[in-house]
């Protein structure tokens, strides 16, 4: 089941934390802060990746922690982030109580960066690739496919 986030950016999110409801059937990408900022600034590579996901039916997953930081980094590009969040294949992963222990376990490896820990957690549990400007993702979980934003 999906809902629209009240207020905020309007990204879709799921009521449950289980990654097996069809959301992952075609795979997807998790966009980290750097990728969101690049998208907001109309970066050709990131925009092309998002468009490719849309054409292929793949999910673009955005962690709420990453979205908050990106929105603060480029407030003048707020409209582009809103548009991205309103795409039907874009999903917002809220840091839920059910996930907090798993994310907290990643904090030491993420140097205390909860946003980075959440990106790694969401990508690993779904088998998604990560688009990030932080190579630290690889140090946390070497099994993830990480592309530079």
Protein backbone atom coordinates (compact mmCIF):
# COMPACT_ATOMS: atom_id res chain seq x y z
CA UNK A 1 0.00 0.00 0.00
CA UNK A 2 1.29 3.48 -0.72
CA UNK A 3 0.56 6.87 0.73
CA UNK A 4 1.53 10.38 -0.15
CA UNK A 5 3.69 12.09 2.41
CA UNK A 6 1.72 14.84 4.13
CA UNK A 7 3.28 18.17 3.22
CA UNK A 8 6.99 17.72 2.57
CA UNK A 9 8.08 16.67 -0.86
CA UNK A 10 5.27 14.32 -1.84
CA UNK A 11 7.36 11.18 -2.27
CA UNK A 12 5.54 7.88 -2.03
CA UNK A 13 6.30 5.58 0.85
CA UNK A 14 5.21 2.18 2.05
CA UNK A 15 3.36 1.30 5.22
CA UNK A 16 5.50 -1.75 5.93
CA UNK A 17 9.22 -2.25 6.07
CA UNK A 18 9.31 -5.49 4.08
CA UNK A 19 11.17 -5.10 0.79
CA UNK A 20 9.26 -7.87 -0.98
CA UNK A 21 6.03 -6.24 -2.16
CA UNK A 22 6.97 -5.74 -5.81
CA UNK A 23 8.94 -2.56 -5.16
CA UNK A 24 12.14 -4.48 -5.80
CA UNK A 25 11.03 -6.68 -8.67
CA UNK A 26 12.91 -4.69 -11.32
CA UNK A 27 15.68 -3.36 -9.10
CA UNK A 28 16.58 0.22 -8.51
CA UNK A 29 18.98 2.87 -7.32
CA UNK A 30 19.39 4.64 -4.00
CA UNK A 31 20.30 8.29 -4.47
CA UNK A 32 22.60 9.68 -1.78
CA UNK A 33 22.91 13.38 -0.90
CA UNK A 34 25.47 14.10 -3.63
CA UNK A 35 23.29 12.51 -6.29
CA UNK A 36 20.24 14.47 -5.12
CA UNK A 37 22.19 17.74 -5.18
CA UNK A 38 23.53 16.89 -8.64
CA UNK A 39 20.02 16.10 -9.88
CA UNK A 40 18.72 19.37 -8.44
CA UNK A 41 21.48 21.19 -10.34
CA UNK A 42 20.46 19.44 -13.59
CA UNK A 43 23.52 17.20 -13.81
CA UNK A 44 23.27 15.29 -17.09
CA UNK A 45 24.51 11.94 -15.74
CA UNK A 46 22.19 11.82 -12.75
CA UNK A 47 19.24 13.07 -14.81
CA UNK A 48 19.91 10.38 -17.43
CA UNK A 49 20.09 7.67 -14.75
CA UNK A 50 16.77 8.78 -13.28
CA UNK A 51 15.20 8.86 -16.76
CA UNK A 52 16.57 5.38 -17.47
CA UNK A 53 15.03 4.08 -14.23
CA UNK A 54 11.70 5.59 -15.25
CA UNK A 55 11.81 3.94 -18.70
CA UNK A 56 12.81 0.56 -17.28
CA UNK A 57 10.33 0.58 -14.43
CA UNK A 58 13.09 0.63 -11.83
CA UNK A 59 12.74 2.29 -8.46
CA UNK A 60 14.53 5.48 -7.46
CA UNK A 61 14.79 5.28 -3.69
CA UNK A 62 15.51 8.38 -1.62
CA UNK A 63 16.25 8.18 2.09
CA UNK A 64 14.49 10.88 4.09
CA UNK A 65 17.75 11.79 5.80
CA UNK A 66 19.47 12.36 2.44
CA UNK A 67 16.56 14.39 1.11
CA UNK A 68 16.62 16.72 4.10
CA UNK A 69 20.34 17.43 3.70
CA UNK A 70 20.06 17.91 -0.08
CA UNK A 71 17.11 20.29 0.31
CA UNK A 72 19.17 22.41 2.70
CA UNK A 73 22.18 22.34 0.37
CA UNK A 74 20.30 23.64 -2.68
CA UNK A 75 17.21 25.53 -1.47
CA UNK A 76 17.03 27.41 -4.77
CA UNK A 77 16.49 24.07 -6.56
CA UNK A 78 13.67 22.90 -4.30
CA UNK A 79 11.29 22.57 -7.28
CA UNK A 80 13.52 20.00 -9.02
CA UNK A 81 13.65 17.87 -5.88
CA UNK A 82 9.87 18.11 -5.54
CA UNK A 83 9.45 17.03 -9.18
CA UNK A 84 11.77 14.06 -8.64
CA UNK A 85 9.81 13.01 -5.56
CA UNK A 86 6.55 13.17 -7.48
CA UNK A 87 7.71 10.72 -10.13
CA UNK A 88 5.73 7.47 -9.84
CA UNK A 89 8.87 5.35 -9.60
CA UNK A 90 10.40 7.46 -6.78
CA UNK A 91 10.00 6.17 -3.24
CA UNK A 92 10.95 7.78 0.04
CA UNK A 93 12.47 5.52 2.67
CA UNK A 94 11.64 6.91 6.08
CA UNK A 95 13.92 5.92 8.92
CA UNK A 96 11.47 3.83 10.94
CA UNK A 97 11.77 2.43 14.43
CA UNK A 98 11.81 -1.09 12.96
CA UNK A 99 14.99 -0.24 11.03
CA UNK A 100 16.73 1.82 13.70
CA UNK A 101 18.77 -1.01 15.24
CA UNK A 102 20.13 -2.13 11.87
CA UNK A 103 20.97 1.43 10.86
CA UNK A 104 22.53 2.13 14.26
CA UNK A 105 24.77 -0.90 13.83
CA UNK A 106 26.20 0.73 10.69
CA UNK A 107 26.92 4.07 12.39
CA UNK A 108 30.48 3.28 13.53
CA UNK A 109 31.50 2.30 9.99
CA UNK A 110 29.70 5.40 8.64
CA UNK A 111 31.64 7.69 11.00
CA UNK A 112 28.41 8.56 12.79
CA UNK A 113 26.69 9.77 9.61
CA UNK A 114 23.13 8.50 9.99
CA UNK A 115 22.25 9.48 6.42
CA UNK A 116 25.08 7.41 5.01
CA UNK A 117 24.19 4.49 7.28
CA UNK A 118 20.57 4.63 6.11
CA UNK A 119 21.61 4.70 2.43
CA UNK A 120 23.79 1.61 2.91
CA UNK A 121 21.09 -0.19 4.89
CA UNK A 122 18.34 0.48 2.32
CA UNK A 123 20.54 -0.45 -0.65
CA UNK A 124 21.84 -3.64 0.96
CA UNK A 125 18.46 -4.95 2.07
CA UNK A 126 16.95 -4.41 -1.38
CA UNK A 127 19.94 -5.26 -3.54
CA UNK A 128 19.92 -1.79 -5.12
CA UNK A 129 22.88 0.10 -6.51
CA UNK A 130 23.93 3.40 -4.93
CA UNK A 131 24.59 6.68 -6.69
CA UNK A 132 26.81 8.68 -4.36
CA UNK A 133 29.73 11.06 -4.28
CA UNK A 134 30.98 9.34 -1.11
CA UNK A 135 33.23 6.34 -1.57
CA UNK A 136 32.75 5.62 2.13
CA UNK A 137 29.73 3.56 1.06
CA UNK A 138 32.11 0.90 -0.25
CA UNK A 139 34.00 0.80 3.03
CA UNK A 140 30.78 0.07 4.89
CA UNK A 141 29.50 -2.64 2.54
CA UNK A 142 31.84 -3.79 -0.20
CA UNK A 143 29.09 -5.88 -1.81
CA UNK A 144 27.18 -2.78 -3.00
CA UNK A 145 27.46 -1.44 -6.52
CA UNK A 146 28.39 2.22 -6.06
CA UNK A 147 28.52 4.65 -8.96
CA UNK A 148 30.02 8.10 -8.53
CA UNK A 149 27.53 10.96 -8.77
